N, C-alpha and C. Protein backbone atom coordinates (compact mmCIF):
# COMPACT_ATOMS: atom_id res chain seq x y z
N MET A 1 95.43 179.61 54.93
CA MET A 1 94.51 179.49 53.73
C MET A 1 93.41 179.81 53.91
N ALA A 2 92.71 180.70 53.25
CA ALA A 2 91.13 181.73 53.58
C ALA A 2 90.17 180.65 53.23
N LYS A 3 89.36 180.46 53.69
CA LYS A 3 88.16 179.42 53.36
C LYS A 3 87.49 180.35 52.69
N ASN A 4 86.71 179.53 51.79
CA ASN A 4 85.98 180.52 50.62
C ASN A 4 84.40 180.37 51.35
N LYS A 5 84.03 181.29 51.29
CA LYS A 5 82.67 181.80 52.15
C LYS A 5 81.73 181.50 50.77
N PRO A 6 80.46 180.99 51.11
CA PRO A 6 79.62 181.05 49.84
C PRO A 6 78.85 182.23 49.85
N PRO A 7 78.74 182.69 48.19
CA PRO A 7 78.20 183.94 48.28
C PRO A 7 76.78 184.11 48.94
N VAL A 8 76.58 185.35 49.48
CA VAL A 8 75.40 185.61 50.11
C VAL A 8 74.41 185.76 49.12
N GLN A 9 72.97 185.29 49.68
CA GLN A 9 71.81 185.17 48.45
C GLN A 9 71.19 186.30 48.82
N LEU A 10 70.36 187.08 48.40
CA LEU A 10 69.35 188.32 48.52
C LEU A 10 68.11 187.52 47.90
N THR A 11 67.26 187.81 48.79
CA THR A 11 65.79 187.31 48.08
C THR A 11 65.20 188.96 48.11
N VAL A 12 64.55 189.05 46.96
CA VAL A 12 63.74 190.44 46.68
C VAL A 12 62.37 189.77 46.35
N THR A 13 61.56 190.88 47.14
CA THR A 13 60.11 190.23 47.31
C THR A 13 59.69 191.08 45.83
N LYS A 14 58.50 190.56 45.34
CA LYS A 14 57.42 191.02 44.34
C LYS A 14 57.20 192.60 44.75
N CYS A 15 56.87 193.22 45.69
CA CYS A 15 56.65 194.08 46.38
C CYS A 15 58.06 195.48 46.38
N GLU A 16 59.38 194.53 46.53
CA GLU A 16 60.52 195.57 46.43
C GLU A 16 60.61 195.59 44.82
N ARG A 17 60.34 194.55 43.90
CA ARG A 17 60.68 194.77 42.71
C ARG A 17 59.88 195.94 41.95
N ALA A 18 58.22 195.89 42.53
CA ALA A 18 57.62 196.95 42.01
C ALA A 18 58.07 198.21 42.45
N ALA A 19 58.70 198.49 43.76
CA ALA A 19 58.77 199.68 44.40
C ALA A 19 60.16 200.12 43.47
N VAL A 20 61.22 199.36 43.07
CA VAL A 20 62.44 199.59 42.05
C VAL A 20 61.88 200.02 40.68
N ASN A 21 60.91 199.24 40.23
CA ASN A 21 60.33 199.54 39.02
C ASN A 21 59.64 200.96 39.01
N VAL A 22 58.78 201.35 40.08
CA VAL A 22 58.54 202.58 39.91
C VAL A 22 59.20 203.59 39.82
N ARG A 23 60.48 203.34 40.64
CA ARG A 23 61.41 204.65 40.91
C ARG A 23 62.24 204.51 39.53
N ALA A 24 62.21 203.65 38.87
CA ALA A 24 62.99 203.67 37.61
C ALA A 24 62.36 204.48 36.31
N ARG A 25 60.95 204.69 36.50
CA ARG A 25 59.94 205.02 35.75
C ARG A 25 60.40 206.46 35.30
N LYS A 26 60.28 207.11 34.45
CA LYS A 26 60.43 208.64 34.39
C LYS A 26 59.21 209.40 34.94
N PRO A 27 59.45 210.33 35.80
CA PRO A 27 58.26 210.94 36.17
C PRO A 27 57.79 211.90 35.48
N LYS A 28 58.79 212.60 34.46
CA LYS A 28 58.48 213.42 33.48
C LYS A 28 57.11 213.06 32.29
N LEU A 29 57.63 211.78 32.12
CA LEU A 29 56.76 211.24 31.22
C LEU A 29 55.29 211.24 31.88
N VAL A 30 55.12 210.47 33.14
CA VAL A 30 54.13 210.33 33.58
C VAL A 30 53.18 211.76 33.78
N THR A 31 54.01 212.89 33.98
CA THR A 31 53.31 214.14 34.47
C THR A 31 52.80 214.54 33.30
N VAL A 32 53.60 214.45 32.07
CA VAL A 32 53.21 214.97 30.74
C VAL A 32 51.90 214.14 30.31
N ALA A 33 51.75 212.99 30.53
CA ALA A 33 50.56 212.01 30.08
C ALA A 33 49.43 212.23 31.18
N PHE A 34 49.88 212.64 32.20
CA PHE A 34 48.52 213.19 33.08
C PHE A 34 47.84 214.30 32.49
N THR A 35 48.80 215.37 32.45
CA THR A 35 48.77 216.94 31.85
C THR A 35 47.94 216.89 30.48
N VAL A 36 48.25 215.59 29.47
CA VAL A 36 47.81 215.89 28.21
C VAL A 36 46.42 215.28 28.08
N LEU A 37 46.34 213.95 28.78
CA LEU A 37 45.24 213.26 29.09
C LEU A 37 44.07 213.18 29.94
N VAL A 38 44.20 213.75 31.18
CA VAL A 38 43.34 213.75 32.26
C VAL A 38 42.95 214.83 32.65
N LEU A 39 43.87 216.00 32.69
CA LEU A 39 43.17 217.40 32.52
C LEU A 39 42.08 217.97 31.94
N PRO A 40 42.18 217.54 30.48
CA PRO A 40 40.87 217.97 29.62
C PRO A 40 39.77 217.55 29.98
N LEU A 41 39.99 216.42 30.20
CA LEU A 41 38.80 215.45 30.66
C LEU A 41 37.96 216.12 31.90
N LEU A 42 39.05 216.31 32.93
CA LEU A 42 38.16 216.83 34.22
C LEU A 42 37.93 218.33 33.84
N ALA A 43 38.28 219.14 33.01
CA ALA A 43 37.99 220.21 32.76
C ALA A 43 36.58 220.35 32.23
N GLY A 44 36.49 219.37 31.30
CA GLY A 44 35.26 219.30 30.53
C GLY A 44 34.05 218.71 31.81
N CYS A 45 34.49 217.92 32.91
CA CYS A 45 33.30 217.59 33.69
C CYS A 45 33.25 219.05 34.53
N SER A 46 34.00 219.95 34.94
CA SER A 46 33.81 221.04 35.70
C SER A 46 32.51 221.80 35.52
N ASN A 47 32.21 221.87 34.25
CA ASN A 47 30.69 222.58 34.14
C ASN A 47 30.45 222.02 32.66
N PRO A 48 29.30 220.81 32.92
CA PRO A 48 28.90 220.18 31.89
C PRO A 48 27.85 221.41 31.17
N GLY A 49 27.35 222.40 31.78
CA GLY A 49 26.32 223.20 31.03
C GLY A 49 27.19 223.82 30.17
N ALA A 50 28.09 224.18 30.03
CA ALA A 50 29.12 224.74 29.25
C ALA A 50 29.50 224.25 27.90
N THR A 51 29.02 222.90 27.71
CA THR A 51 28.69 222.23 26.42
C THR A 51 27.91 222.96 25.51
N THR A 52 28.18 222.99 24.22
CA THR A 52 27.41 223.62 23.22
C THR A 52 26.48 222.38 22.67
N CYS A 53 25.67 223.20 22.07
CA CYS A 53 24.37 222.41 21.07
C CYS A 53 25.10 221.22 20.41
N ASP A 54 25.80 221.79 19.63
CA ASP A 54 26.98 221.09 18.57
C ASP A 54 27.44 220.15 19.15
N GLU A 55 28.45 220.52 20.39
CA GLU A 55 29.11 219.47 21.19
C GLU A 55 28.19 218.15 21.36
N TYR A 56 27.18 218.79 21.98
CA TYR A 56 25.77 217.50 22.55
C TYR A 56 25.22 217.09 21.47
N ALA A 57 25.05 217.40 20.51
CA ALA A 57 24.26 216.53 19.38
C ALA A 57 25.50 215.44 18.76
N ALA A 58 27.12 215.81 18.87
CA ALA A 58 28.14 214.99 18.43
C ALA A 58 28.04 213.87 19.22
N MET A 59 27.94 213.94 20.61
CA MET A 59 28.04 212.88 21.18
C MET A 59 27.31 211.53 20.88
N ASP A 60 27.64 210.38 21.49
CA ASP A 60 27.24 208.97 21.32
C ASP A 60 26.01 209.22 22.61
N ASN A 61 25.03 208.11 22.57
CA ASN A 61 24.04 208.13 23.40
C ASN A 61 24.59 207.97 24.96
N ALA A 62 25.37 207.37 25.32
CA ALA A 62 26.01 206.98 26.47
C ALA A 62 26.80 208.47 26.93
N SER A 63 27.48 209.38 26.36
CA SER A 63 27.81 210.42 26.50
C SER A 63 26.73 211.62 26.97
N ARG A 64 25.71 211.69 25.76
CA ARG A 64 24.59 212.34 26.23
C ARG A 64 24.34 212.31 27.45
N GLN A 65 23.87 210.85 27.64
CA GLN A 65 22.95 210.59 28.83
C GLN A 65 24.11 211.02 30.33
N SER A 66 25.54 210.57 29.95
CA SER A 66 26.58 211.29 31.02
C SER A 66 26.50 212.58 31.25
N THR A 67 26.07 213.37 30.14
CA THR A 67 26.19 214.89 30.14
C THR A 67 24.84 215.21 31.28
N GLU A 68 23.66 214.82 30.67
CA GLU A 68 22.51 214.93 31.19
C GLU A 68 22.49 214.51 32.74
N ARG A 69 23.13 213.65 33.05
CA ARG A 69 23.05 213.24 34.70
C ARG A 69 24.11 214.36 35.22
N ALA A 70 25.06 214.72 34.60
CA ALA A 70 25.94 215.66 35.04
C ALA A 70 25.43 217.15 35.33
N LEU A 71 24.61 217.33 34.35
CA LEU A 71 23.96 218.45 34.35
C LEU A 71 22.55 218.73 35.47
N LEU A 72 21.98 217.68 35.75
CA LEU A 72 21.29 217.19 36.73
C LEU A 72 21.62 217.60 38.15
N LYS A 73 23.07 216.89 38.26
CA LYS A 73 23.86 217.12 39.61
C LYS A 73 24.56 218.34 39.75
N ALA A 74 24.85 219.18 38.66
CA ALA A 74 25.09 220.45 38.84
C ALA A 74 24.42 221.52 39.47
N HIS A 75 22.72 221.16 39.07
CA HIS A 75 21.84 221.85 39.36
C HIS A 75 21.20 221.09 40.69
N ASN A 76 21.78 220.57 41.53
CA ASN A 76 21.25 219.89 42.62
C ASN A 76 19.89 219.07 42.72
N LEU A 77 19.53 218.53 41.33
CA LEU A 77 18.52 217.85 40.71
C LEU A 77 18.69 216.37 40.87
N ASP A 78 17.82 215.29 41.55
CA ASP A 78 18.00 214.20 41.56
C ASP A 78 18.20 213.11 40.32
N THR A 79 19.33 212.62 39.88
CA THR A 79 19.40 211.74 38.74
C THR A 79 18.64 210.57 38.66
N GLY A 80 17.93 210.09 39.96
CA GLY A 80 17.44 208.89 40.17
C GLY A 80 16.01 208.82 39.99
N THR A 81 15.28 210.33 39.66
CA THR A 81 13.95 210.52 39.26
C THR A 81 14.05 210.52 37.70
N ILE A 82 12.90 209.54 37.33
CA ILE A 82 12.38 209.38 35.95
C ILE A 82 12.05 210.54 35.35
N GLY A 83 11.23 211.39 36.05
CA GLY A 83 10.75 212.75 35.49
C GLY A 83 11.90 213.69 35.12
N ASN A 84 13.01 213.62 35.98
CA ASN A 84 14.27 214.66 35.88
C ASN A 84 14.58 214.20 34.55
N SER A 85 15.33 212.84 34.49
CA SER A 85 15.95 212.34 33.15
C SER A 85 15.00 212.71 31.95
N LEU A 86 13.69 212.09 31.91
CA LEU A 86 13.16 212.71 30.95
C LEU A 86 12.82 213.80 30.43
N GLY A 87 12.85 214.83 31.68
CA GLY A 87 12.79 216.30 31.37
C GLY A 87 14.00 217.07 30.83
N VAL A 88 14.80 216.52 31.39
CA VAL A 88 16.48 217.15 30.81
C VAL A 88 16.75 216.68 29.54
N THR A 89 16.31 215.53 29.11
CA THR A 89 16.72 214.87 27.64
C THR A 89 15.75 215.54 26.75
N ALA A 90 14.31 215.79 26.96
CA ALA A 90 13.43 216.55 25.96
C ALA A 90 13.44 218.17 25.97
N ALA A 91 13.94 218.87 27.18
CA ALA A 91 14.71 220.35 26.83
C ALA A 91 15.80 220.08 26.27
N LEU A 92 16.87 219.56 26.11
CA LEU A 92 18.23 219.66 25.47
C LEU A 92 17.72 219.46 23.89
N ASP A 93 16.90 218.09 23.50
CA ASP A 93 16.47 217.98 22.63
C ASP A 93 15.79 218.99 21.90
N SER A 94 15.06 219.49 22.30
CA SER A 94 14.01 220.62 21.95
C SER A 94 15.21 222.05 21.58
N TYR A 95 15.85 222.36 22.52
CA TYR A 95 16.62 223.37 22.67
C TYR A 95 17.50 223.52 21.62
N CYS A 96 18.06 222.29 21.49
CA CYS A 96 19.38 221.87 20.52
C CYS A 96 18.64 221.81 19.36
N GLY A 97 17.74 220.83 18.94
CA GLY A 97 17.21 220.62 17.81
C GLY A 97 17.49 219.41 17.28
N VAL A 98 17.83 218.48 18.31
CA VAL A 98 18.15 216.81 17.89
C VAL A 98 17.32 215.99 18.40
N SER A 99 16.90 214.71 17.88
CA SER A 99 16.26 213.90 18.13
C SER A 99 17.07 212.70 18.82
N ASP A 100 16.40 212.42 19.87
CA ASP A 100 16.98 211.23 20.59
C ASP A 100 16.20 209.95 20.54
N ASN A 101 16.40 209.05 19.50
CA ASN A 101 15.41 207.99 19.15
C ASN A 101 16.01 206.62 20.01
N VAL A 102 16.82 206.66 20.95
CA VAL A 102 17.14 205.41 21.53
C VAL A 102 15.90 204.80 22.16
N ILE A 103 14.71 205.08 22.65
CA ILE A 103 13.52 204.18 22.85
C ILE A 103 12.97 203.79 21.54
N ALA A 104 13.02 204.58 20.41
CA ALA A 104 12.69 203.74 19.30
C ALA A 104 13.77 203.11 18.47
N GLY A 105 14.76 202.55 18.93
CA GLY A 105 15.74 201.95 18.17
C GLY A 105 16.39 202.35 16.97
N LEU A 106 16.16 203.72 16.92
CA LEU A 106 16.70 204.31 15.67
C LEU A 106 17.96 205.29 16.13
N PRO A 107 18.81 205.77 15.26
CA PRO A 107 19.80 206.52 15.73
C PRO A 107 19.70 207.99 16.06
N SER A 108 20.35 208.58 16.90
CA SER A 108 20.38 209.68 17.40
C SER A 108 20.54 210.70 16.32
N SER A 109 20.01 211.55 16.04
CA SER A 109 20.68 212.89 15.18
C SER A 109 22.04 213.10 15.58
N LYS A 110 23.11 213.73 14.76
CA LYS A 110 24.54 213.84 15.27
C LYS A 110 24.89 215.08 14.86
N ALA A 111 23.66 215.97 14.54
CA ALA A 111 23.89 217.45 14.47
C ALA A 111 22.61 218.44 15.07
N ALA A 112 23.14 219.37 15.72
CA ALA A 112 22.09 220.33 16.03
C ALA A 112 21.71 221.19 15.13
N THR A 113 20.34 221.70 15.24
CA THR A 113 19.64 222.46 14.35
C THR A 113 19.44 223.66 14.55
N GLN A 114 19.45 223.94 15.76
CA GLN A 114 19.49 225.46 16.46
C GLN A 114 20.33 225.58 17.57
N ASN A 115 20.46 226.93 18.08
CA ASN A 115 21.49 227.14 19.06
C ASN A 115 22.81 226.66 19.05
N ASN A 116 23.23 226.31 17.98
CA ASN A 116 24.61 225.47 17.62
C ASN A 116 25.56 225.87 18.52
N ASP A 117 26.02 227.03 18.75
CA ASP A 117 26.98 227.87 19.37
C ASP A 117 26.80 227.84 21.01
N SER A 118 25.37 227.51 21.40
CA SER A 118 25.08 228.24 22.56
C SER A 118 25.31 226.94 23.45
N ALA A 119 25.24 227.42 24.98
CA ALA A 119 25.60 226.38 26.18
C ALA A 119 24.21 225.66 26.41
N ILE A 120 24.43 224.78 26.48
CA ILE A 120 23.19 223.75 26.98
C ILE A 120 22.67 224.10 28.33
N ASP A 121 23.34 224.45 28.79
CA ASP A 121 22.72 225.46 30.41
C ASP A 121 21.56 226.15 30.10
N ASN A 122 21.78 226.76 28.76
CA ASN A 122 20.57 227.65 28.60
C ASN A 122 19.14 227.06 28.01
N ALA A 123 19.21 225.71 28.35
CA ALA A 123 18.20 224.76 27.38
C ALA A 123 16.84 225.22 28.65
N THR A 124 16.73 225.11 29.99
CA THR A 124 15.85 225.34 30.70
C THR A 124 15.89 226.54 31.81
N ASP A 125 15.02 226.46 32.43
CA ASP A 125 15.02 227.23 33.90
C ASP A 125 15.42 226.12 34.83
N TRP A 126 16.76 226.50 35.15
CA TRP A 126 16.77 225.39 36.71
C TRP A 126 16.47 225.59 38.11
N THR A 127 15.62 226.51 38.15
CA THR A 127 15.25 226.78 39.57
C THR A 127 13.98 225.81 40.29
N ALA A 128 13.82 224.95 39.45
CA ALA A 128 12.61 223.89 39.75
C ALA A 128 13.48 223.04 40.55
N THR A 129 12.95 222.36 41.52
CA THR A 129 13.07 221.08 42.31
C THR A 129 13.29 219.81 41.56
N ASN A 130 12.31 219.61 40.42
CA ASN A 130 12.31 218.80 39.75
C ASN A 130 11.43 218.60 38.26
N TRP A 131 11.32 217.77 37.42
CA TRP A 131 10.57 217.91 36.29
C TRP A 131 9.04 217.51 36.48
């Protein structure tokens, strides 16, 4: 007569369950999501100066500031210098014909009034080391 052996119990850790879940995901979906969502963002970051005045004017204040910092970095200018920050903002606002009224507590304009299709990189001579 054969003895009944107790069933073998397997212990699965959280890490092992996570590894199984990752393998179960469809890599095609991840690839498509990355391509559709992330690559356009990276492409936009590669050359902030290619942004047009219309695109710059349509940005919210945080996006404008981010673009301005990216421009300063792209031209090897210190983003921590207040003169550079104010200078690039004034140059872009003047070149594109937009108003940046954040300091006054008023909304910024959402439309460029000049140089609409021009790249904002043309707003100033970038050869200076600071403003």
